[in-house]
Structures are given as C-alpha cells and as structure tokens.
Amino acid sequence: MKRFHVHVAVPNLEQSMRFYSAMFGAPPSVVKPDYAKWMLDDPRINFAISSRQSVTGVNHLGIQAESEAELVEIHGRLQDAGAAIAEEQDAQCCYANSNKYWVQDPSGIAWESFHTLGSIPVFGEADAVTSPSSSANSELSGAAVCCPPRVTSKPIPIQITAKGCCNV
C-alpha cells in the first residue's frame, strides 16, 4: 500500500516540530538537526519538514511505494501521463537511500515517487540528484540539491475567510 508524502521547508525546525507533533498527536519518528519526519498511519502519510531550503512552504509532494514493484507501477502511470521523468537510482537524500522518479505537474509542482531502500547518516550529497539517464527538463535533472528540483517561485499564501478556504 502506497503512502502520501509531503515535504515542507520551514524557517524554524523546533517551532515546527512542536506544532506538527501537536497537530498529529505524535512525535516525529525521525529527528535530525535540520530535518524531522512523521510516518503516520492515520492519515497514512510520510510528512517531513526541513530547514535546509531558502524558500519556506511546500517543498514537494510525493507517493512512497512500499516495494520496487509498486514504484514500477507508478513509473508506468507517469509515462502514460506523458510527464518528463527524471530517474534517480540509489539516491542519497533526506537521510534515506531510495530509488525515485521526479516529475512536475502542469502547474510546476514537484512530485516525487520513491521506494526507500534504507537509511543513511547524512541529509544528502549535492551530486546525488544528477541523473545521466534523464532527459527531463533542466530543473529536474542535474540540480545540485538534495531532494526536489530548485523552486523558482515563492509559495502562494493561503487566505482563509470566514467561510473557509474551499467554500464559496
């Protein structure tokens, strides 16, 4: 069964850890000096925060596969969608070793599909994102960052009205 993944860049890790721990009713399952992750079953999500990015807000979204077969299935669906896919095999990122595929949706939002192979003691290596097999757009391949491609625009702030953000 797949798990939804959200990675949020935060300006203050400690404050954000307190907030999200209270919101989820659970402490993070992984805590590092610049990173925290909650592996929740209700809701079924891999929620991560980090203080390494220069822009705060949603860093990327994703689907975490529990097996290589599930990852292959997701990859096939991305190919069917006609998305430019950046492939990373044995990527060293976010304190994990993973096989993954990166795409951008039509709005430019970075999506990661991945299967975690194990944990590693460092956040990531700058050259881990470079994928010689990828001919996807330049923001997805060869970026010298760990995790998603560099975000070039600032997040759009959500304005909540008396009716709520989604009610009309």
N, C-alpha and C. Protein backbone atom coordinates (compact mmCIF):
# COMPACT_ATOMS: atom_id res chain seq x y z
N MET A 1 0.84 -1.18 0.00
CA MET A 1 0.00 0.00 0.00
C MET A 1 0.88 1.23 0.00
N LYS A 2 0.57 2.17 -0.86
CA LYS A 2 1.36 3.37 -1.00
C LYS A 2 1.03 4.38 0.11
N ARG A 3 1.95 5.32 0.32
CA ARG A 3 1.78 6.33 1.36
C ARG A 3 1.99 7.70 0.72
N PHE A 4 1.12 8.65 1.02
CA PHE A 4 1.26 10.01 0.53
C PHE A 4 2.44 10.67 1.23
N HIS A 5 3.19 11.50 0.51
CA HIS A 5 4.37 12.17 1.06
C HIS A 5 4.27 13.67 0.84
N VAL A 6 4.55 14.43 1.88
CA VAL A 6 4.61 15.89 1.81
C VAL A 6 5.90 16.32 2.49
N HIS A 7 6.65 17.21 1.86
CA HIS A 7 7.87 17.77 2.44
C HIS A 7 7.71 19.29 2.47
N VAL A 8 7.80 19.85 3.67
CA VAL A 8 7.63 21.29 3.86
C VAL A 8 8.94 21.90 4.34
N ALA A 9 9.37 22.97 3.69
CA ALA A 9 10.54 23.73 4.12
C ALA A 9 10.08 24.72 5.18
N VAL A 10 10.75 24.73 6.33
CA VAL A 10 10.35 25.57 7.45
C VAL A 10 11.51 26.47 7.89
N PRO A 11 11.18 27.67 8.40
CA PRO A 11 12.26 28.55 8.86
C PRO A 11 12.79 28.19 10.25
N ASN A 12 11.96 27.55 11.09
CA ASN A 12 12.36 27.21 12.45
C ASN A 12 11.94 25.78 12.73
N LEU A 13 12.88 24.86 12.73
CA LEU A 13 12.58 23.44 12.89
C LEU A 13 11.93 23.14 14.24
N GLU A 14 12.47 23.67 15.33
CA GLU A 14 11.93 23.38 16.67
C GLU A 14 10.48 23.82 16.81
N GLN A 15 10.16 25.04 16.38
CA GLN A 15 8.78 25.51 16.45
C GLN A 15 7.86 24.64 15.60
N SER A 16 8.32 24.30 14.41
CA SER A 16 7.51 23.48 13.51
C SER A 16 7.33 22.07 14.07
N MET A 17 8.36 21.51 14.69
CA MET A 17 8.23 20.17 15.30
C MET A 17 7.18 20.19 16.41
N ARG A 18 7.18 21.23 17.24
CA ARG A 18 6.17 21.33 18.30
C ARG A 18 4.77 21.43 17.70
N PHE A 19 4.62 22.27 16.67
CA PHE A 19 3.32 22.45 16.05
C PHE A 19 2.81 21.15 15.43
N TYR A 20 3.61 20.51 14.58
CA TYR A 20 3.16 19.31 13.88
C TYR A 20 2.99 18.13 14.83
N SER A 21 3.80 18.05 15.88
CA SER A 21 3.62 16.99 16.88
C SER A 21 2.27 17.14 17.57
N ALA A 22 1.89 18.38 17.89
CA ALA A 22 0.59 18.63 18.49
C ALA A 22 -0.53 18.33 17.50
N MET A 23 -0.36 18.77 16.26
CA MET A 23 -1.40 18.56 15.25
C MET A 23 -1.62 17.08 14.97
N PHE A 24 -0.53 16.31 14.84
CA PHE A 24 -0.64 14.88 14.54
C PHE A 24 -0.88 14.04 15.79
N GLY A 25 -0.66 14.61 16.98
CA GLY A 25 -0.82 13.85 18.21
C GLY A 25 0.27 12.82 18.39
N ALA A 26 1.43 13.07 17.80
CA ALA A 26 2.54 12.11 17.86
C ALA A 26 3.86 12.85 17.62
N PRO A 27 4.93 12.38 18.25
CA PRO A 27 6.24 12.97 17.96
C PRO A 27 6.76 12.46 16.63
N PRO A 28 7.75 13.13 16.05
CA PRO A 28 8.33 12.63 14.79
C PRO A 28 9.03 11.30 15.01
N SER A 29 9.04 10.47 13.98
CA SER A 29 9.73 9.18 14.05
C SER A 29 11.21 9.32 13.73
N VAL A 30 11.59 10.39 13.04
CA VAL A 30 12.99 10.70 12.73
C VAL A 30 13.24 12.16 13.07
N VAL A 31 14.30 12.42 13.83
CA VAL A 31 14.68 13.80 14.15
C VAL A 31 16.18 13.94 13.92
N LYS A 32 16.54 14.93 13.12
CA LYS A 32 17.93 15.28 12.84
C LYS A 32 18.07 16.78 13.11
N PRO A 33 19.26 17.33 13.14
CA PRO A 33 19.42 18.76 13.43
C PRO A 33 18.69 19.68 12.44
N ASP A 34 18.45 19.21 11.21
CA ASP A 34 17.84 20.04 10.17
C ASP A 34 16.61 19.40 9.53
N TYR A 35 16.07 18.35 10.16
CA TYR A 35 15.05 17.53 9.49
C TYR A 35 14.24 16.77 10.53
N ALA A 36 12.94 16.59 10.25
CA ALA A 36 12.09 15.73 11.07
C ALA A 36 11.07 15.06 10.16
N LYS A 37 10.67 13.84 10.52
CA LYS A 37 9.71 13.10 9.69
C LYS A 37 8.74 12.35 10.58
N TRP A 38 7.48 12.38 10.18
CA TRP A 38 6.42 11.61 10.82
C TRP A 38 5.95 10.55 9.83
N MET A 39 5.95 9.29 10.23
CA MET A 39 5.40 8.20 9.41
C MET A 39 4.08 7.81 10.07
N LEU A 40 3.01 8.41 9.60
CA LEU A 40 1.70 8.25 10.24
C LEU A 40 0.85 7.22 9.50
N ASP A 41 0.03 6.52 10.27
CA ASP A 41 -0.92 5.59 9.66
C ASP A 41 -2.32 6.18 9.59
N ASP A 42 -2.58 7.24 10.36
CA ASP A 42 -3.89 7.88 10.34
C ASP A 42 -3.70 9.38 10.46
N PRO A 43 -3.65 10.11 9.34
CA PRO A 43 -3.75 9.65 7.96
C PRO A 43 -2.46 8.99 7.50
N ARG A 44 -2.55 8.13 6.51
CA ARG A 44 -1.39 7.39 6.00
C ARG A 44 -0.52 8.34 5.19
N ILE A 45 0.49 8.90 5.87
CA ILE A 45 1.32 9.93 5.24
C ILE A 45 2.75 9.86 5.77
N ASN A 46 3.67 10.18 4.90
CA ASN A 46 5.08 10.42 5.25
C ASN A 46 5.22 11.93 5.18
N PHE A 47 5.20 12.59 6.33
CA PHE A 47 5.25 14.05 6.40
C PHE A 47 6.61 14.48 6.92
N ALA A 48 7.34 15.26 6.13
CA ALA A 48 8.69 15.68 6.51
C ALA A 48 8.81 17.19 6.49
N ILE A 49 9.65 17.71 7.39
CA ILE A 49 9.99 19.12 7.39
C ILE A 49 11.51 19.24 7.43
N SER A 50 12.02 20.33 6.86
CA SER A 50 13.46 20.56 6.94
C SER A 50 13.73 22.05 6.91
N SER A 51 14.90 22.42 7.42
CA SER A 51 15.28 23.83 7.48
C SER A 51 16.43 24.13 6.53
N ARG A 52 16.60 23.33 5.49
CA ARG A 52 17.74 23.47 4.58
C ARG A 52 17.45 24.33 3.35
N GLN A 53 16.19 24.61 3.04
CA GLN A 53 15.84 25.36 1.83
C GLN A 53 15.75 26.85 2.13
N SER A 54 15.95 27.67 1.10
CA SER A 54 15.88 29.12 1.28
C SER A 54 14.45 29.64 1.18
N VAL A 55 13.56 28.88 0.56
CA VAL A 55 12.17 29.28 0.41
C VAL A 55 11.32 28.39 1.31
N THR A 56 10.49 29.01 2.16
CA THR A 56 9.62 28.21 3.03
C THR A 56 8.32 27.87 2.32
N GLY A 57 7.69 26.81 2.77
CA GLY A 57 6.42 26.37 2.20
C GLY A 57 6.52 24.94 1.71
N VAL A 58 5.51 24.50 0.98
CA VAL A 58 5.52 23.14 0.46
C VAL A 58 6.70 22.99 -0.49
N ASN A 59 7.58 22.06 -0.18
CA ASN A 59 8.78 21.84 -0.97
C ASN A 59 8.48 20.90 -2.13
N HIS A 60 7.80 19.79 -1.84
CA HIS A 60 7.36 18.87 -2.88
C HIS A 60 6.33 17.91 -2.29
N LEU A 61 5.61 17.24 -3.18
CA LEU A 61 4.64 16.21 -2.81
C LEU A 61 5.12 14.90 -3.39
N GLY A 62 4.57 13.79 -2.92
CA GLY A 62 5.01 12.52 -3.47
C GLY A 62 4.17 11.35 -3.06
N ILE A 63 4.55 10.20 -3.63
CA ILE A 63 3.95 8.91 -3.30
C ILE A 63 5.10 7.98 -2.93
N GLN A 64 5.06 7.42 -1.72
CA GLN A 64 6.07 6.47 -1.28
C GLN A 64 5.55 5.05 -1.53
N ALA A 65 6.27 4.31 -2.35
CA ALA A 65 5.93 2.92 -2.65
C ALA A 65 6.55 2.01 -1.60
N GLU A 66 5.85 0.96 -1.23
CA GLU A 66 6.39 0.01 -0.24
C GLU A 66 7.25 -1.06 -0.88
N SER A 67 7.23 -1.14 -2.23
CA SER A 67 8.03 -2.16 -2.92
C SER A 67 8.50 -1.60 -4.25
N GLU A 68 9.51 -2.24 -4.81
CA GLU A 68 10.00 -1.84 -6.13
C GLU A 68 8.92 -2.05 -7.18
N ALA A 69 8.09 -3.08 -7.02
CA ALA A 69 7.00 -3.34 -7.97
C ALA A 69 6.00 -2.19 -7.97
N GLU A 70 5.67 -1.65 -6.79
CA GLU A 70 4.77 -0.50 -6.73
C GLU A 70 5.39 0.71 -7.41
N LEU A 71 6.71 0.90 -7.23
CA LEU A 71 7.39 2.02 -7.86
C LEU A 71 7.36 1.89 -9.38
N VAL A 72 7.56 0.70 -9.89
CA VAL A 72 7.49 0.45 -11.34
C VAL A 72 6.09 0.76 -11.86
N GLU A 73 5.07 0.40 -11.09
CA GLU A 73 3.68 0.70 -11.47
C GLU A 73 3.46 2.21 -11.55
N ILE A 74 3.93 2.94 -10.56
CA ILE A 74 3.80 4.40 -10.57
C ILE A 74 4.54 4.99 -11.77
N HIS A 75 5.74 4.51 -12.04
CA HIS A 75 6.54 4.98 -13.18
C HIS A 75 5.77 4.79 -14.48
N GLY A 76 5.12 3.65 -14.64
CA GLY A 76 4.31 3.40 -15.84
C GLY A 76 3.18 4.40 -16.00
N ARG A 77 2.54 4.74 -14.88
CA ARG A 77 1.45 5.73 -14.94
C ARG A 77 1.98 7.11 -15.31
N LEU A 78 3.17 7.45 -14.80
CA LEU A 78 3.78 8.74 -15.16
C LEU A 78 4.11 8.78 -16.65
N GLN A 79 4.60 7.66 -17.17
CA GLN A 79 4.89 7.58 -18.61
C GLN A 79 3.60 7.73 -19.41
N ASP A 80 2.51 7.09 -18.96
CA ASP A 80 1.22 7.20 -19.64
C ASP A 80 0.70 8.63 -19.64
N ALA A 81 1.05 9.39 -18.59
CA ALA A 81 0.62 10.79 -18.49
C ALA A 81 1.45 11.70 -19.39
N GLY A 82 2.52 11.17 -19.96
CA GLY A 82 3.37 11.96 -20.83
C GLY A 82 4.27 12.94 -20.08
N ALA A 83 4.49 12.68 -18.81
CA ALA A 83 5.32 13.58 -18.00
C ALA A 83 6.81 13.39 -18.31
N ALA A 84 7.57 14.47 -18.25
CA ALA A 84 9.04 14.39 -18.34
C ALA A 84 9.51 13.84 -17.00
N ILE A 85 10.18 12.71 -17.04
CA ILE A 85 10.55 11.99 -15.82
C ILE A 85 12.05 12.03 -15.62
N ALA A 86 12.45 12.43 -14.41
CA ALA A 86 13.86 12.37 -14.01
C ALA A 86 14.01 11.16 -13.09
N GLU A 87 14.85 10.23 -13.48
CA GLU A 87 15.04 9.00 -12.72
C GLU A 87 16.27 9.11 -11.82
N GLU A 88 16.15 8.64 -10.59
CA GLU A 88 17.28 8.55 -9.67
C GLU A 88 17.31 7.14 -9.09
N GLN A 89 18.36 6.42 -9.36
CA GLN A 89 18.54 5.10 -8.76
C GLN A 89 19.56 5.23 -7.65
N ASP A 90 19.30 4.60 -6.51
CA ASP A 90 20.22 4.60 -5.38
C ASP A 90 20.54 6.03 -4.93
N ALA A 91 19.52 6.89 -4.88
CA ALA A 91 19.70 8.29 -4.48
C ALA A 91 19.95 8.39 -2.98
N GLN A 92 20.84 9.27 -2.60
CA GLN A 92 21.18 9.53 -1.20
C GLN A 92 20.57 10.88 -0.82
N CYS A 93 19.42 10.87 -0.19
CA CYS A 93 18.70 12.12 0.06
C CYS A 93 17.83 12.01 1.30
N CYS A 94 17.72 13.09 2.05
CA CYS A 94 16.82 13.18 3.20
C CYS A 94 17.02 12.03 4.18
N TYR A 95 18.28 11.73 4.46
CA TYR A 95 18.66 10.68 5.41
C TYR A 95 18.17 9.30 4.96
N ALA A 96 17.96 9.13 3.65
CA ALA A 96 17.49 7.85 3.13
C ALA A 96 18.18 7.53 1.80
N ASN A 97 18.25 6.25 1.52
CA ASN A 97 18.73 5.73 0.24
C ASN A 97 17.49 5.23 -0.50
N SER A 98 17.21 5.75 -1.69
CA SER A 98 15.96 5.43 -2.39
C SER A 98 16.16 5.36 -3.89
N ASN A 99 15.26 4.64 -4.53
CA ASN A 99 15.07 4.71 -5.97
C ASN A 99 13.87 5.62 -6.17
N LYS A 100 13.95 6.55 -7.14
CA LYS A 100 12.85 7.51 -7.27
C LYS A 100 12.73 8.06 -8.68
N TYR A 101 11.57 8.63 -8.91
CA TYR A 101 11.26 9.33 -10.15
C TYR A 101 10.70 10.69 -9.78
N TRP A 102 11.18 11.74 -10.45
CA TRP A 102 10.69 13.10 -10.25
C TRP A 102 9.94 13.55 -11.50
N VAL A 103 8.83 14.25 -11.29
CA VAL A 103 8.09 14.89 -12.37
C VAL A 103 7.60 16.24 -11.86
N GLN A 104 7.16 17.06 -12.79
CA GLN A 104 6.45 18.28 -12.42
C GLN A 104 5.07 18.19 -13.02
N ASP A 105 4.05 18.55 -12.23
CA ASP A 105 2.70 18.55 -12.77
C ASP A 105 2.54 19.76 -13.69
N PRO A 106 1.41 19.89 -14.38
CA PRO A 106 1.23 21.01 -15.31
C PRO A 106 1.35 22.39 -14.67
N SER A 107 1.19 22.47 -13.34
CA SER A 107 1.33 23.74 -12.64
C SER A 107 2.75 24.00 -12.16
N GLY A 108 3.66 23.04 -12.38
CA GLY A 108 5.04 23.21 -11.96
C GLY A 108 5.36 22.67 -10.58
N ILE A 109 4.42 21.97 -9.95
CA ILE A 109 4.65 21.40 -8.62
C ILE A 109 5.48 20.14 -8.76
N ALA A 110 6.56 20.05 -7.97
CA ALA A 110 7.43 18.87 -7.99
C ALA A 110 6.76 17.70 -7.28
N TRP A 111 6.77 16.54 -7.94
CA TRP A 111 6.24 15.29 -7.38
C TRP A 111 7.34 14.25 -7.41
N GLU A 112 7.49 13.56 -6.30
CA GLU A 112 8.49 12.50 -6.15
C GLU A 112 7.76 11.19 -5.93
N SER A 113 8.09 10.17 -6.69
CA SER A 113 7.63 8.81 -6.39
C SER A 113 8.88 8.03 -6.04
N PHE A 114 8.84 7.27 -4.94
CA PHE A 114 10.07 6.65 -4.47
C PHE A 114 9.82 5.39 -3.66
N HIS A 115 10.85 4.55 -3.61
CA HIS A 115 10.89 3.36 -2.77
C HIS A 115 12.14 3.47 -1.93
N THR A 116 11.99 3.53 -0.61
CA THR A 116 13.13 3.68 0.30
C THR A 116 13.81 2.34 0.49
N LEU A 117 15.12 2.34 0.29
CA LEU A 117 15.93 1.12 0.41
C LEU A 117 16.57 1.00 1.79
N GLY A 118 16.79 2.12 2.46
CA GLY A 118 17.42 2.12 3.78
C GLY A 118 17.69 3.54 4.24
N SER A 119 18.23 3.67 5.44
CA SER A 119 18.56 4.99 5.95
C SER A 119 20.06 5.25 5.82
N ILE A 120 20.42 6.53 5.81
CA ILE A 120 21.82 6.94 5.73
C ILE A 120 22.05 8.02 6.79
N PRO A 121 23.30 8.24 7.21
CA PRO A 121 23.56 9.20 8.31
C PRO A 121 23.61 10.66 7.90
N VAL A 122 23.54 10.99 6.60
CA VAL A 122 23.63 12.37 6.15
C VAL A 122 22.38 12.77 5.38
N PHE A 123 22.12 14.08 5.28
CA PHE A 123 20.93 14.57 4.57
C PHE A 123 20.98 14.20 3.11
N GLY A 124 22.13 14.40 2.45
CA GLY A 124 22.26 14.06 1.04
C GLY A 124 23.51 14.65 0.45
N GLU A 125 23.86 14.19 -0.72
CA GLU A 125 25.03 14.66 -1.44
C GLU A 125 24.57 15.52 -2.60
N ALA A 126 25.30 16.57 -2.90
CA ALA A 126 24.93 17.52 -3.96
C ALA A 126 24.80 16.83 -5.31
N ASP A 127 25.65 15.84 -5.58
CA ASP A 127 25.60 15.21 -6.90
C ASP A 127 24.64 14.02 -6.95
N ALA A 128 23.93 13.73 -5.87
CA ALA A 128 23.03 12.59 -5.86
C ALA A 128 21.84 12.78 -6.78
N VAL A 129 21.48 14.03 -7.09
CA VAL A 129 20.31 14.29 -7.92
C VAL A 129 20.65 14.19 -9.39
N THR A 130 21.89 14.32 -9.77
CA THR A 130 22.28 14.25 -11.17
C THR A 130 21.98 12.86 -11.71
N SER A 131 21.22 12.81 -12.78
CA SER A 131 20.82 11.53 -13.35
C SER A 131 21.20 11.49 -14.82
N PRO A 132 22.22 10.72 -15.18
CA PRO A 132 22.63 10.68 -16.57
C PRO A 132 21.57 10.07 -17.48
N SER A 133 20.64 9.29 -16.92
CA SER A 133 19.63 8.65 -17.75
C SER A 133 18.44 9.56 -18.01
N SER A 134 18.43 10.74 -17.41
CA SER A 134 17.28 11.61 -17.54
C SER A 134 17.48 12.66 -18.62
N SER A 135 16.45 12.81 -19.45
CA SER A 135 16.47 13.91 -20.41
C SER A 135 15.33 14.87 -20.10
N ALA A 136 14.84 14.81 -18.85
CA ALA A 136 13.74 15.68 -18.43
C ALA A 136 14.22 17.12 -18.37
N ASN A 137 13.29 18.03 -18.10
CA ASN A 137 13.68 19.45 -18.13
C ASN A 137 14.79 19.72 -17.14
N SER A 138 15.55 20.79 -17.38
CA SER A 138 16.78 21.05 -16.64
C SER A 138 16.54 21.30 -15.16
N GLU A 139 15.35 21.71 -14.75
CA GLU A 139 15.10 21.90 -13.33
C GLU A 139 15.00 20.55 -12.63
N LEU A 140 14.65 19.49 -13.34
CA LEU A 140 14.50 18.19 -12.73
C LEU A 140 15.79 17.40 -12.76
N SER A 141 16.64 17.60 -13.74
CA SER A 141 17.85 16.79 -13.82
C SER A 141 19.08 17.63 -13.60
N GLY A 142 20.03 17.07 -12.88
CA GLY A 142 21.30 17.72 -12.69
C GLY A 142 21.30 18.85 -11.68
N ALA A 143 20.21 19.07 -10.97
CA ALA A 143 20.18 20.13 -9.97
C ALA A 143 21.10 19.75 -8.82
N ALA A 144 21.85 20.72 -8.32
CA ALA A 144 22.81 20.44 -7.25
C ALA A 144 22.14 20.63 -5.90
N VAL A 145 21.08 19.88 -5.65
CA VAL A 145 20.37 19.93 -4.38
C VAL A 145 19.98 18.52 -4.00
N CYS A 146 19.66 18.35 -2.73
CA CYS A 146 19.12 17.07 -2.27
C CYS A 146 17.61 17.19 -2.34
N CYS A 147 16.96 16.17 -2.76
CA CYS A 147 15.50 16.11 -2.87
C CYS A 147 15.03 16.79 -4.13
N PRO A 148 14.03 17.71 -4.07
CA PRO A 148 13.41 18.16 -5.31
C PRO A 148 14.23 19.17 -6.09
N PRO A 149 13.79 19.44 -7.31
CA PRO A 149 14.44 20.50 -8.06
C PRO A 149 14.28 21.83 -7.34
N ARG A 150 15.13 22.78 -7.66
CA ARG A 150 15.03 24.11 -7.03
C ARG A 150 13.70 24.74 -7.38
N VAL A 151 13.07 25.34 -6.38
CA VAL A 151 11.82 26.05 -6.59
C VAL A 151 12.16 27.49 -6.94
N THR A 152 11.62 27.96 -8.06
CA THR A 152 11.98 29.31 -8.51
C THR A 152 10.94 30.35 -8.13
N SER A 153 9.78 29.92 -7.66
CA SER A 153 8.77 30.89 -7.26
C SER A 153 8.45 30.70 -5.78
N LYS A 154 7.93 31.77 -5.18
CA LYS A 154 7.58 31.71 -3.76
C LYS A 154 6.22 31.02 -3.63
N PRO A 155 5.98 30.34 -2.48
CA PRO A 155 4.68 29.72 -2.27
C PRO A 155 3.57 30.77 -2.24
N ILE A 156 2.40 30.38 -2.69
CA ILE A 156 1.25 31.27 -2.67
C ILE A 156 0.61 31.17 -1.30
N PRO A 157 0.47 32.30 -0.57
CA PRO A 157 -0.13 32.21 0.76
C PRO A 157 -1.61 31.87 0.66
N ILE A 158 -2.07 31.07 1.60
CA ILE A 158 -3.48 30.69 1.65
C ILE A 158 -4.22 31.71 2.50
N GLN A 159 -5.29 32.25 1.98
CA GLN A 159 -6.08 33.20 2.74
C GLN A 159 -7.38 32.52 3.15
N ILE A 160 -7.61 32.45 4.44
CA ILE A 160 -8.81 31.81 4.97
C ILE A 160 -9.82 32.89 5.30
N THR A 161 -11.02 32.73 4.74
CA THR A 161 -12.10 33.68 5.02
C THR A 161 -13.02 33.07 6.06
N ALA A 162 -14.04 33.79 6.46
CA ALA A 162 -15.00 33.29 7.43
C ALA A 162 -15.66 32.00 6.96
N LYS A 163 -15.85 31.86 5.63
CA LYS A 163 -16.47 30.65 5.08
C LYS A 163 -15.48 29.51 4.98
N GLY A 164 -14.19 29.77 5.09
CA GLY A 164 -13.17 28.75 4.91
C GLY A 164 -12.51 28.91 3.55
N CYS A 165 -11.44 28.21 3.33
CA CYS A 165 -10.68 28.40 2.10
C CYS A 165 -11.31 27.73 0.89
N CYS A 166 -12.12 26.75 1.08
CA CYS A 166 -12.64 25.99 -0.05
C CYS A 166 -14.13 26.20 -0.26
N ASN A 167 -14.80 26.89 0.63
CA ASN A 167 -16.25 27.13 0.49
C ASN A 167 -16.50 28.38 -0.31
N VAL A 168 -17.53 28.34 -1.14
CA VAL A 168 -17.88 29.52 -1.94
C VAL A 168 -19.19 30.07 -1.51
